Every structure is written in structure tokens, then in C-alpha cells.
Amino acid sequence: MRLLCAEARVNSQKIRSGFMSKQECVKLISAADVFTHAPICIDDTPAISTMELRAKARRMKASMGVGMLIVDYLQLMRTREGIERGSRKSQRFPGLSRPWPRN
């Protein structure tokens, strides 16, 4: 929803509340059409581990040629050690900072 609203330049609160103008509705439909033709893959697996994410990323790279991976809500990922309170994310997720394998 956030991605769609950002593309359409429509306030997401208006969608949630149901108070959208016809012009905003048209903008949303146009933005949705853009995304139907875009090569985007969204995976909303909850509490995924770094190893699971890495495996999925490799499969997507091999099957679809994915060139970029964006992780939203990094703080909800699981680590091998679990969630350590007070630690920095760069220390908790060292495996995410590796470059993509080259073909």
C-alpha cells in the first residue's frame, strides 16, 4: 500500500479513512497499472532469518535475475542468536552486507 501511494502521490491516510477524491482514485489506478507491468517481487515472510533471506535472494537472482534486494523492517528479522537487546543491527546481521554474487 505504501509503495502504491508513493507512486500515485496520494496520502495513504485518505485511503484508510475512505475520503479520496476522484482525481486521487484515478492516480491510484494509474499507479497500480504501472506496478502490474513492473518486475517487482514482494516477499512478506514474517520473522525470516538471515540464512532464509539469503537463500531466497539467491533463488530469485537465479530464476528472475533480481538486481536489487530491499529489506523493510530489518528489526523484525531473526538471527542465529535471537534478538540481542542493545546490540547494533550491523553486528546482528553481518551476513547481509555481502555483495551479490557475480555471474
PDB file of N, CA and C in Angstrom:
ATOM      1  N   MET A   1       0.832  -1.186   0.000  1.00  0.00           N
ATOM      2  CA  MET A   1       0.000   0.000   0.000  1.00  0.00           C
ATOM      3  C   MET A   1       0.879   1.254   0.000  1.00  0.00           C
ATOM      4  N   ARG A   2       1.966   1.217   0.793  1.00  0.00           N
ATOM      5  CA  ARG A   2       2.848   2.388   0.841  1.00  0.00           C
ATOM      6  C   ARG A   2       3.489   2.651  -0.511  1.00  0.00           C
ATOM      7  N   LEU A   3       3.897   1.585  -1.177  1.00  0.00           N
ATOM      8  CA  LEU A   3       4.532   1.720  -2.486  1.00  0.00           C
ATOM      9  C   LEU A   3       3.558   2.304  -3.506  1.00  0.00           C
ATOM     10  N   LEU A   4       2.330   1.816  -3.477  1.00  0.00           N
ATOM     11  CA  LEU A   4       1.293   2.304  -4.387  1.00  0.00           C
ATOM     12  C   LEU A   4       0.988   3.779  -4.129  1.00  0.00           C
ATOM     13  N   CYS A   5       0.842   4.145  -2.869  1.00  0.00           N
ATOM     14  CA  CYS A   5       0.558   5.544  -2.528  1.00  0.00           C
ATOM     15  C   CYS A   5       1.721   6.455  -2.893  1.00  0.00           C
ATOM     16  N   ALA A   6       2.945   5.970  -2.712  1.00  0.00           N
ATOM     17  CA  ALA A   6       4.105   6.777  -3.068  1.00  0.00           C
ATOM     18  C   ALA A   6       4.150   7.021  -4.579  1.00  0.00           C
ATOM     19  N   GLU A   7       3.887   5.980  -5.360  1.00  0.00           N
ATOM     20  CA  GLU A   7       3.895   6.117  -6.819  1.00  0.00           C
ATOM     21  C   GLU A   7       2.781   7.062  -7.286  1.00  0.00           C
ATOM     22  N   ALA A   8       1.608   6.943  -6.665  1.00  0.00           N
ATOM     23  CA  ALA A   8       0.463   7.765  -7.069  1.00  0.00           C
ATOM     24  C   ALA A   8       0.508   9.169  -6.463  1.00  0.00           C
ATOM     25  N   ARG A   9       1.403   9.361  -5.488  1.00  0.00           N
ATOM     26  CA  ARG A   9       1.478  10.630  -4.753  1.00  0.00           C
ATOM     27  C   ARG A   9       0.140  10.964  -4.100  1.00  0.00           C
ATOM     28  N   VAL A  10      -0.383   9.946  -3.404  1.00  0.00           N
ATOM     29  CA  VAL A  10      -1.649  10.081  -2.681  1.00  0.00           C
ATOM     30  C   VAL A  10      -1.384   9.771  -1.216  1.00  0.00           C
ATOM     31  N   ASN A  11      -1.945  10.556  -0.332  1.00  0.00           N
ATOM     32  CA  ASN A  11      -1.795  10.345   1.106  1.00  0.00           C
ATOM     33  C   ASN A  11      -2.479   9.036   1.496  1.00  0.00           C
ATOM     34  N   SER A  12      -1.730   8.112   2.089  1.00  0.00           N
ATOM     35  CA  SER A  12      -2.293   6.805   2.447  1.00  0.00           C
ATOM     36  C   SER A  12      -3.384   6.916   3.514  1.00  0.00           C
ATOM     37  N   GLN A  13      -3.337   7.952   4.302  1.00  0.00           N
ATOM     38  CA  GLN A  13      -4.383   8.150   5.320  1.00  0.00           C
ATOM     39  C   GLN A  13      -5.742   8.365   4.663  1.00  0.00           C
ATOM     40  N   LYS A  14      -5.756   8.982   3.502  1.00  0.00           N
ATOM     41  CA  LYS A  14      -7.021   9.183   2.784  1.00  0.00           C
ATOM     42  C   LYS A  14      -7.612   7.853   2.330  1.00  0.00           C
ATOM     43  N   ILE A  15      -6.753   6.916   1.959  1.00  0.00           N
ATOM     44  CA  ILE A  15      -7.246   5.591   1.562  1.00  0.00           C
ATOM     45  C   ILE A  15      -7.810   4.862   2.769  1.00  0.00           C
ATOM     46  N   ARG A  16      -7.070   4.910   3.878  1.00  0.00           N
ATOM     47  CA  ARG A  16      -7.516   4.227   5.093  1.00  0.00           C
ATOM     48  C   ARG A  16      -8.840   4.779   5.598  1.00  0.00           C
ATOM     49  N   SER A  17      -9.005   6.088   5.505  1.00  0.00           N
ATOM     50  CA  SER A  17     -10.229   6.709   6.011  1.00  0.00           C
ATOM     51  C   SER A  17     -11.368   6.656   4.993  1.00  0.00           C
ATOM     52  N   GLY A  18     -11.033   6.415   3.714  1.00  0.00           N
ATOM     53  CA  GLY A  18     -12.066   6.331   2.687  1.00  0.00           C
ATOM     54  C   GLY A  18     -12.461   7.666   2.089  1.00  0.00           C
ATOM     55  N   PHE A  19     -11.715   8.726   2.407  1.00  0.00           N
ATOM     56  CA  PHE A  19     -12.027  10.053   1.892  1.00  0.00           C
ATOM     57  C   PHE A  19     -11.048  10.446   0.796  1.00  0.00           C
ATOM     58  N   MET A  20     -11.277   9.877  -0.395  1.00  0.00           N
ATOM     59  CA  MET A  20     -10.431  10.182  -1.548  1.00  0.00           C
ATOM     60  C   MET A  20     -11.256  10.887  -2.604  1.00  0.00           C
ATOM     61  N   SER A  21     -10.606  11.795  -3.301  1.00  0.00           N
ATOM     62  CA  SER A  21     -11.279  12.458  -4.412  1.00  0.00           C
ATOM     63  C   SER A  21     -11.225  11.541  -5.631  1.00  0.00           C
ATOM     64  N   LYS A  22     -12.022  11.879  -6.643  1.00  0.00           N
ATOM     65  CA  LYS A  22     -11.999  11.090  -7.887  1.00  0.00           C
ATOM     66  C   LYS A  22     -10.635  11.170  -8.548  1.00  0.00           C
ATOM     67  N   GLN A  23     -10.004  12.338  -8.462  1.00  0.00           N
ATOM     68  CA  GLN A  23      -8.677  12.520  -9.061  1.00  0.00           C
ATOM     69  C   GLN A  23      -7.655  11.611  -8.369  1.00  0.00           C
ATOM     70  N   GLU A  24      -7.726  11.494  -7.045  1.00  0.00           N
ATOM     71  CA  GLU A  24      -6.812  10.615  -6.316  1.00  0.00           C
ATOM     72  C   GLU A  24      -7.070   9.147  -6.666  1.00  0.00           C
ATOM     73  N   CYS A  25      -8.318   8.822  -6.882  1.00  0.00           N
ATOM     74  CA  CYS A  25      -8.680   7.462  -7.278  1.00  0.00           C
ATOM     75  C   CYS A  25      -8.081   7.127  -8.647  1.00  0.00           C
ATOM     76  N   VAL A  26      -8.138   8.066  -9.553  1.00  0.00           N
ATOM     77  CA  VAL A  26      -7.567   7.875 -10.890  1.00  0.00           C
ATOM     78  C   VAL A  26      -6.045   7.717 -10.790  1.00  0.00           C
ATOM     79  N   LYS A  27      -5.413   8.507  -9.921  1.00  0.00           N
ATOM     80  CA  LYS A  27      -3.975   8.399  -9.726  1.00  0.00           C
ATOM     81  C   LYS A  27      -3.592   7.017  -9.206  1.00  0.00           C
ATOM     82  N   LEU A  28      -4.374   6.490  -8.258  1.00  0.00           N
ATOM     83  CA  LEU A  28      -4.102   5.158  -7.711  1.00  0.00           C
ATOM     84  C   LEU A  28      -4.236   4.070  -8.773  1.00  0.00           C
ATOM     85  N   ILE A  29      -5.250   4.185  -9.601  1.00  0.00           N
ATOM     86  CA  ILE A  29      -5.456   3.202 -10.665  1.00  0.00           C
ATOM     87  C   ILE A  29      -4.307   3.246 -11.664  1.00  0.00           C
ATOM     88  N   SER A  30      -3.855   4.439 -12.007  1.00  0.00           N
ATOM     89  CA  SER A  30      -2.715   4.575 -12.925  1.00  0.00           C
ATOM     90  C   SER A  30      -1.446   3.990 -12.313  1.00  0.00           C
ATOM     91  N   ALA A  31      -1.227   4.240 -11.017  1.00  0.00           N
ATOM     92  CA  ALA A  31      -0.051   3.700 -10.342  1.00  0.00           C
ATOM     93  C   ALA A  31      -0.127   2.174 -10.268  1.00  0.00           C
ATOM     94  N   ALA A  32      -1.310   1.640 -10.025  1.00  0.00           N
ATOM     95  CA  ALA A  32      -1.483   0.184  -9.972  1.00  0.00           C
ATOM     96  C   ALA A  32      -1.158  -0.429 -11.324  1.00  0.00           C
ATOM     97  N   ASP A  33      -1.518   0.260 -12.406  1.00  0.00           N
ATOM     98  CA  ASP A  33      -1.221  -0.232 -13.743  1.00  0.00           C
ATOM     99  C   ASP A  33       0.286  -0.281 -13.985  1.00  0.00           C
ATOM    100  N   VAL A  34       0.997   0.718 -13.464  1.00  0.00           N
ATOM    101  CA  VAL A  34       2.463   0.733 -13.590  1.00  0.00           C
ATOM    102  C   VAL A  34       3.054  -0.492 -12.899  1.00  0.00           C
ATOM    103  N   PHE A  35       2.560  -0.826 -11.713  1.00  0.00           N
ATOM    104  CA  PHE A  35       3.107  -1.943 -10.953  1.00  0.00           C
ATOM    105  C   PHE A  35       2.732  -3.305 -11.526  1.00  0.00           C
ATOM    106  N   THR A  36       1.643  -3.383 -12.266  1.00  0.00           N
ATOM    107  CA  THR A  36       1.292  -4.676 -12.859  1.00  0.00           C
ATOM    108  C   THR A  36       2.294  -5.080 -13.934  1.00  0.00           C
ATOM    109  N   HIS A  37       2.981  -4.096 -14.511  1.00  0.00           N
ATOM    110  CA  HIS A  37       3.967  -4.367 -15.557  1.00  0.00           C
ATOM    111  C   HIS A  37       5.401  -4.292 -15.043  1.00  0.00           C
ATOM    112  N   ALA A  38       5.586  -3.988 -13.773  1.00  0.00           N
ATOM    113  CA  ALA A  38       6.933  -3.852 -13.211  1.00  0.00           C
ATOM    114  C   ALA A  38       7.447  -5.199 -12.694  1.00  0.00           C
ATOM    115  N   PRO A  39       8.732  -5.464 -12.900  1.00  0.00           N
ATOM    116  CA  PRO A  39       9.306  -6.723 -12.401  1.00  0.00           C
ATOM    117  C   PRO A  39       9.654  -6.628 -10.917  1.00  0.00           C
ATOM    118  N   ILE A  40       8.619  -6.628 -10.076  1.00  0.00           N
ATOM    119  CA  ILE A  40       8.801  -6.496  -8.628  1.00  0.00           C
ATOM    120  C   ILE A  40       8.311  -7.763  -7.955  1.00  0.00           C
ATOM    121  N   CYS A  41       9.080  -8.254  -7.007  1.00  0.00           N
ATOM    122  CA  CYS A  41       8.689  -9.421  -6.218  1.00  0.00           C
ATOM    123  C   CYS A  41       8.670  -8.996  -4.753  1.00  0.00           C
ATOM    124  N   ILE A  42       7.543  -9.158  -4.088  1.00  0.00           N
ATOM    125  CA  ILE A  42       7.426  -8.792  -2.678  1.00  0.00           C
ATOM    126  C   ILE A  42       7.220 -10.061  -1.877  1.00  0.00           C
ATOM    127  N   ASP A  43       8.088 -10.269  -0.909  1.00  0.00           N
ATOM    128  CA  ASP A  43       8.009 -11.434  -0.032  1.00  0.00           C
ATOM    129  C   ASP A  43       7.779 -10.914   1.379  1.00  0.00           C
ATOM    130  N   ASP A  44       6.654 -11.248   1.954  1.00  0.00           N
ATOM    131  CA  ASP A  44       6.332 -10.743   3.292  1.00  0.00           C
ATOM    132  C   ASP A  44       6.411 -11.833   4.357  1.00  0.00           C
ATOM    133  N   THR A  45       7.396 -12.716   4.217  1.00  0.00           N
ATOM    134  CA  THR A  45       7.593 -13.786   5.193  1.00  0.00           C
ATOM    135  C   THR A  45       7.902 -13.166   6.560  1.00  0.00           C
ATOM    136  N   PRO A  46       7.117 -13.512   7.595  1.00  0.00           N
ATOM    137  CA  PRO A  46       7.366 -12.911   8.917  1.00  0.00           C
ATOM    138  C   PRO A  46       8.555 -13.568   9.620  1.00  0.00           C
ATOM    139  N   ALA A  47       9.317 -12.779  10.342  1.00  0.00           N
ATOM    140  CA  ALA A  47      10.431 -13.235  11.173  1.00  0.00           C
ATOM    141  C   ALA A  47      11.376 -14.160  10.420  1.00  0.00           C
ATOM    142  N   ILE A  48      11.763 -13.770   9.224  1.00  0.00           N
ATOM    143  CA  ILE A  48      12.671 -14.577   8.407  1.00  0.00           C
ATOM    144  C   ILE A  48      14.091 -14.454   8.962  1.00  0.00           C
ATOM    145  N   SER A  49      14.841 -15.526   8.881  1.00  0.00           N
ATOM    146  CA  SER A  49      16.228 -15.487   9.359  1.00  0.00           C
ATOM    147  C   SER A  49      17.121 -14.974   8.235  1.00  0.00           C
ATOM    148  N   THR A  50      18.329 -14.586   8.606  1.00  0.00           N
ATOM    149  CA  THR A  50      19.260 -14.085   7.595  1.00  0.00           C
ATOM    150  C   THR A  50      19.616 -15.177   6.592  1.00  0.00           C
ATOM    151  N   MET A  51      19.724 -16.409   7.044  1.00  0.00           N
ATOM    152  CA  MET A  51      20.053 -17.511   6.142  1.00  0.00           C
ATOM    153  C   MET A  51      18.892 -17.801   5.182  1.00  0.00           C
ATOM    154  N   GLU A  52      17.649 -17.736   5.673  1.00  0.00           N
ATOM    155  CA  GLU A  52      16.486 -17.933   4.799  1.00  0.00           C
ATOM    156  C   GLU A  52      16.412 -16.824   3.753  1.00  0.00           C
ATOM    157  N   LEU A  53      16.654 -15.589   4.193  1.00  0.00           N
ATOM    158  CA  LEU A  53      16.630 -14.455   3.269  1.00  0.00           C
ATOM    159  C   LEU A  53      17.715 -14.615   2.206  1.00  0.00           C
ATOM    160  N   ARG A  54      18.877 -15.021   2.624  1.00  0.00           N
ATOM    161  CA  ARG A  54      19.985 -15.211   1.689  1.00  0.00           C
ATOM    162  C   ARG A  54      19.643 -16.287   0.656  1.00  0.00           C
ATOM    163  N   ALA A  55      19.051 -17.393   1.119  1.00  0.00           N
ATOM    164  CA  ALA A  55      18.671 -18.469   0.200  1.00  0.00           C
ATOM    165  C   ALA A  55      17.609 -18.002  -0.785  1.00  0.00           C
ATOM    166  N   LYS A  56      16.612 -17.272  -0.288  1.00  0.00           N
ATOM    167  CA  LYS A  56      15.560 -16.754  -1.176  1.00  0.00           C
ATOM    168  C   LYS A  56      16.146 -15.775  -2.187  1.00  0.00           C
ATOM    169  N   ALA A  57      17.065 -14.934  -1.737  1.00  0.00           N
ATOM    170  CA  ALA A  57      17.683 -13.955  -2.634  1.00  0.00           C
ATOM    171  C   ALA A  57      18.458 -14.656  -3.739  1.00  0.00           C
ATOM    172  N   ARG A  58      19.186 -15.708  -3.396  1.00  0.00           N
ATOM    173  CA  ARG A  58      19.937 -16.458  -4.407  1.00  0.00           C
ATOM    174  C   ARG A  58      19.005 -17.112  -5.418  1.00  0.00           C
ATOM    175  N   ARG A  59      17.879 -17.679  -4.921  1.00  0.00           N
ATOM    176  CA  ARG A  59      16.917 -18.308  -5.836  1.00  0.00           C
ATOM    177  C   ARG A  59      16.300 -17.273  -6.769  1.00  0.00           C
ATOM    178  N   MET A  60      15.944 -16.097  -6.218  1.00  0.00           N
ATOM    179  CA  MET A  60      15.363 -15.040  -7.050  1.00  0.00           C
ATOM    180  C   MET A  60      16.378 -14.528  -8.070  1.00  0.00           C
ATOM    181  N   LYS A  61      17.625 -14.424  -7.671  1.00  0.00           N
ATOM    182  CA  LYS A  61      18.678 -13.982  -8.589  1.00  0.00           C
ATOM    183  C   LYS A  61      18.819 -14.978  -9.740  1.00  0.00           C
ATOM    184  N   ALA A  62      18.798 -16.273  -9.397  1.00  0.00           N
ATOM    185  CA  ALA A  62      18.965 -17.308 -10.422  1.00  0.00           C
ATOM    186  C   ALA A  62      17.754 -17.423 -11.337  1.00  0.00           C
ATOM    187  N   SER A  63      16.555 -17.337 -10.777  1.00  0.00           N
ATOM    188  CA  SER A  63      15.358 -17.564 -11.588  1.00  0.00           C
ATOM    189  C   SER A  63      14.826 -16.306 -12.276  1.00  0.00           C
ATOM    190  N   MET A  64      14.964 -15.149 -11.645  1.00  0.00           N
ATOM    191  CA  MET A  64      14.373 -13.932 -12.198  1.00  0.00           C
ATOM    192  C   MET A  64      15.382 -12.852 -12.531  1.00  0.00           C
ATOM    193  N   GLY A  65      16.642 -13.066 -12.190  1.00  0.00           N
ATOM    194  CA  GLY A  65      17.654 -12.055 -12.474  1.00  0.00           C
ATOM    195  C   GLY A  65      17.540 -10.820 -11.603  1.00  0.00           C
ATOM    196  N   VAL A  66      17.110 -10.984 -10.373  1.00  0.00           N
ATOM    197  CA  VAL A  66      16.925  -9.859  -9.455  1.00  0.00           C
ATOM    198  C   VAL A  66      18.232  -9.091  -9.326  1.00  0.00           C
ATOM    199  N   GLY A  67      18.166  -7.773  -9.466  1.00  0.00           N
ATOM    200  CA  GLY A  67      19.352  -6.937  -9.385  1.00  0.00           C
ATOM    201  C   GLY A  67      19.479  -6.166  -8.090  1.00  0.00           C
ATOM    202  N   MET A  68      18.386  -6.084  -7.324  1.00  0.00           N
ATOM    203  CA  MET A  68      18.435  -5.341  -6.072  1.00  0.00           C
ATOM    204  C   MET A  68      17.466  -5.974  -5.085  1.00  0.00           C
ATOM    205  N   LEU A  69      17.881  -6.018  -3.821  1.00  0.00           N
ATOM    206  CA  LEU A  69      17.053  -6.558  -2.752  1.00  0.00           C
ATOM    207  C   LEU A  69      16.899  -5.477  -1.699  1.00  0.00           C
ATOM    208  N   ILE A  70      15.664  -5.176  -1.343  1.00  0.00           N
ATOM    209  CA  ILE A  70      15.389  -4.181  -0.311  1.00  0.00           C
ATOM    210  C   ILE A  70      14.714  -4.885   0.848  1.00  0.00           C
ATOM    211  N   VAL A  71      15.240  -4.699   2.050  1.00  0.00           N
ATOM    212  CA  VAL A  71      14.669  -5.313   3.242  1.00  0.00           C
ATOM    213  C   VAL A  71      14.020  -4.216   4.070  1.00  0.00           C
ATOM    214  N   ASP A  72      12.729  -4.352   4.257  1.00  0.00           N
ATOM    215  CA  ASP A  72      11.981  -3.420   5.098  1.00  0.00           C
ATOM    216  C   ASP A  72      11.760  -4.100   6.439  1.00  0.00           C
ATOM    217  N   TYR A  73      11.750  -3.349   7.493  1.00  0.00           N
ATOM    218  CA  TYR A  73      11.571  -3.886   8.842  1.00  0.00           C
ATOM    219  C   TYR A  73      12.684  -4.868   9.201  1.00  0.00           C
ATOM    220  N   LEU A  74      13.908  -4.438   9.001  1.00  0.00           N
ATOM    221  CA  LEU A  74      15.076  -5.244   9.333  1.00  0.00           C
ATOM    222  C   LEU A  74      15.054  -5.692  10.791  1.00  0.00           C
ATOM    223  N   GLN A  75      14.474  -4.861  11.657  1.00  0.00           N
ATOM    224  CA  GLN A  75      14.447  -5.182  13.079  1.00  0.00           C
ATOM    225  C   GLN A  75      13.572  -6.397  13.391  1.00  0.00           C
ATOM    226  N   LEU A  76      12.725  -6.835  12.461  1.00  0.00           N
ATOM    227  CA  LEU A  76      11.869  -7.995  12.691  1.00  0.00           C
ATOM    228  C   LEU A  76      12.502  -9.305  12.234  1.00  0.00           C
ATOM    229  N   MET A  77      13.709  -9.239  11.689  1.00  0.00           N
ATOM    230  CA  MET A  77      14.372 -10.457  11.246  1.00  0.00           C
ATOM    231  C   MET A  77      14.929 -11.222  12.435  1.00  0.00           C
ATOM    232  N   ARG A  78      15.061 -12.541  12.253  1.00  0.00           N
ATOM    233  CA  ARG A  78      15.643 -13.391  13.292  1.00  0.00           C
ATOM    234  C   ARG A  78      17.121 -13.602  12.989  1.00  0.00           C
ATOM    235  N   THR A  79      17.927 -13.694  14.039  1.00  0.00           N
ATOM    236  CA  THR A  79      19.330 -14.043  13.890  1.00  0.00           C
ATOM    237  C   THR A  79      19.540 -15.423  14.488  1.00  0.00           C
ATOM    238  N   ARG A  80      20.704 -15.980  14.265  1.00  0.00           N
ATOM    239  CA  ARG A  80      21.001 -17.286  14.857  1.00  0.00           C
ATOM    240  C   ARG A  80      20.971 -17.215  16.381  1.00  0.00           C
ATOM    241  N   GLU A  81      21.420 -16.115  16.921  1.00  0.00           N
ATOM    242  CA  GLU A  81      21.481 -15.964  18.367  1.00  0.00           C
ATOM    243  C   GLU A  81      20.178 -15.435  18.948  1.00  0.00           C
ATOM    244  N   GLY A  82      19.220 -15.101  18.096  1.00  0.00           N
ATOM    245  CA  GLY A  82      17.996 -14.471  18.564  1.00  0.00           C
ATOM    246  C   GLY A  82      18.194 -12.967  18.626  1.00  0.00           C
ATOM    247  N   ILE A  83      17.280 -12.303  19.229  1.00  0.00           N
ATOM    248  CA  ILE A  83      17.365 -10.850  19.331  1.00  0.00           C
ATOM    249  C   ILE A  83      18.179 -10.479  20.564  1.00  0.00           C
ATOM    250  N   GLU A  84      19.301  -9.817  20.346  1.00  0.00           N
ATOM    251  CA  GLU A  84      20.107  -9.359  21.469  1.00  0.00           C
ATOM    252  C   GLU A  84      19.728  -7.924  21.765  1.00  0.00           C
ATOM    253  N   ARG A  85      19.355  -7.677  22.957  1.00  0.00           N
ATOM    254  CA  ARG A  85      18.953  -6.316  23.329  1.00  0.00           C
ATOM    255  C   ARG A  85      20.166  -5.389  23.355  1.00  0.00           C
ATOM    256  N   GLY A  86      19.989  -4.227  22.765  1.00  0.00           N
ATOM    257  CA  GLY A  86      21.023  -3.208  22.815  1.00  0.00           C
ATOM    258  C   GLY A  86      22.135  -3.361  21.788  1.00  0.00           C
ATOM    259  N   SER A  87      22.116  -4.410  20.991  1.00  0.00           N
ATOM    260  CA  SER A  87      23.189  -4.562  20.010  1.00  0.00           C
ATOM    261  C   SER A  87      22.836  -3.807  18.732  1.00  0.00           C
ATOM    262  N   ARG A  88      23.852  -3.460  17.979  1.00  0.00           N
ATOM    263  CA  ARG A  88      23.623  -2.746  16.726  1.00  0.00           C
ATOM    264  C   ARG A  88      23.258  -3.729  15.630  1.00  0.00           C
ATOM    265  N   LYS A  89      22.407  -3.292  14.701  1.00  0.00           N
ATOM    266  CA  LYS A  89      21.962  -4.165  13.623  1.00  0.00           C
ATOM    267  C   LYS A  89      23.127  -4.609  12.747  1.00  0.00           C
ATOM    268  N   SER A  90      24.124  -3.763  12.594  1.00  0.00           N
ATOM    269  CA  SER A  90      25.271  -4.155  11.769  1.00  0.00           C
ATOM    270  C   SER A  90      26.031  -5.304  12.408  1.00  0.00           C
ATOM    271  N   GLN A  91      25.979  -5.417  13.726  1.00  0.00           N
ATOM    272  CA  GLN A  91      26.619  -6.537  14.403  1.00  0.00           C
ATOM    273  C   GLN A  91      25.723  -7.766  14.370  1.00  0.00           C
ATOM    274  N   ARG A  92      24.406  -7.575  14.427  1.00  0.00           N
ATOM    275  CA  ARG A  92      23.475  -8.700  14.457  1.00  0.00           C
ATOM    276  C   ARG A  92      23.311  -9.344  13.095  1.00  0.00           C
ATOM    277  N   PHE A  93      23.487  -8.581  12.001  1.00  0.00           N
ATOM    278  CA  PHE A  93      23.248  -9.086  10.661  1.00  0.00           C
ATOM    279  C   PHE A  93      24.480  -8.928   9.771  1.00  0.00           C
ATOM    280  N   PRO A  94      25.594  -9.507  10.131  1.00  0.00           N
ATOM    281  CA  PRO A  94      26.790  -9.311   9.305  1.00  0.00           C
ATOM    282  C   PRO A  94      26.669  -9.961   7.930  1.00  0.00           C
ATOM    283  N   GLY A  95      25.857 -11.005   7.786  1.00  0.00           N
ATOM    284  CA  GLY A  95      25.720 -11.698   6.504  1.00  0.00           C
ATOM    285  C   GLY A  95      24.983 -10.904   5.449  1.00  0.00           C
ATOM    286  N   LEU A  96      24.285  -9.835   5.832  1.00  0.00           N
ATOM    287  CA  LEU A  96      23.520  -9.054   4.864  1.00  0.00           C
ATOM    288  C   LEU A  96      24.376  -8.046   4.116  1.00  0.00           C
ATOM    289  N   SER A  97      25.559  -7.790   4.611  1.00  0.00           N
ATOM    290  CA  SER A  97      26.386  -6.756   3.985  1.00  0.00           C
ATOM    291  C   SER A  97      27.284  -7.299   2.878  1.00  0.00           C
ATOM    292  N   ARG A  98      27.128  -8.566   2.546  1.00  0.00           N
ATOM    293  CA  ARG A  98      27.960  -9.166   1.494  1.00  0.00           C
ATOM    294  C   ARG A  98      27.436  -8.758   0.122  1.00  0.00           C
ATOM    295  N   PRO A  99      28.331  -8.621  -0.845  1.00  0.00           N
ATOM    296  CA  PRO A  99      27.877  -8.245  -2.198  1.00  0.00           C
ATOM    297  C   PRO A  99      27.184  -9.409  -2.899  1.00  0.00           C
ATOM    298  N   TRP A 100      26.389  -9.069  -3.924  1.00  0.00           N
ATOM    299  CA  TRP A 100      25.710 -10.084  -4.738  1.00  0.00           C
ATOM    300  C   TRP A 100      26.759 -10.891  -5.471  1.00  0.00           C
ATOM    301  N   PRO A 101      26.520 -12.189  -5.651  1.00  0.00           N
ATOM    302  CA  PRO A 101      27.471 -12.989  -6.446  1.00  0.00           C
ATOM    303  C   PRO A 101      27.421 -12.569  -7.914  1.00  0.00           C
ATOM    304  N   ARG A 102      28.562 -12.515  -8.544  1.00  0.00           N
ATOM    305  CA  ARG A 102      28.637 -12.135  -9.961  1.00  0.00           C
ATOM    306  C   ARG A 102      28.458 -13.363 -10.830  1.00  0.00           C
ATOM    307  N   ASN A 103      27.854 -13.167 -11.991  1.00  0.00           N
ATOM    308  CA  ASN A 103      27.688 -14.271 -12.953  1.00  0.00           C
ATOM    309  C   ASN A 103      28.939 -14.492 -13.755  1.00  0.00           C
TER     310      ASN A 103
END
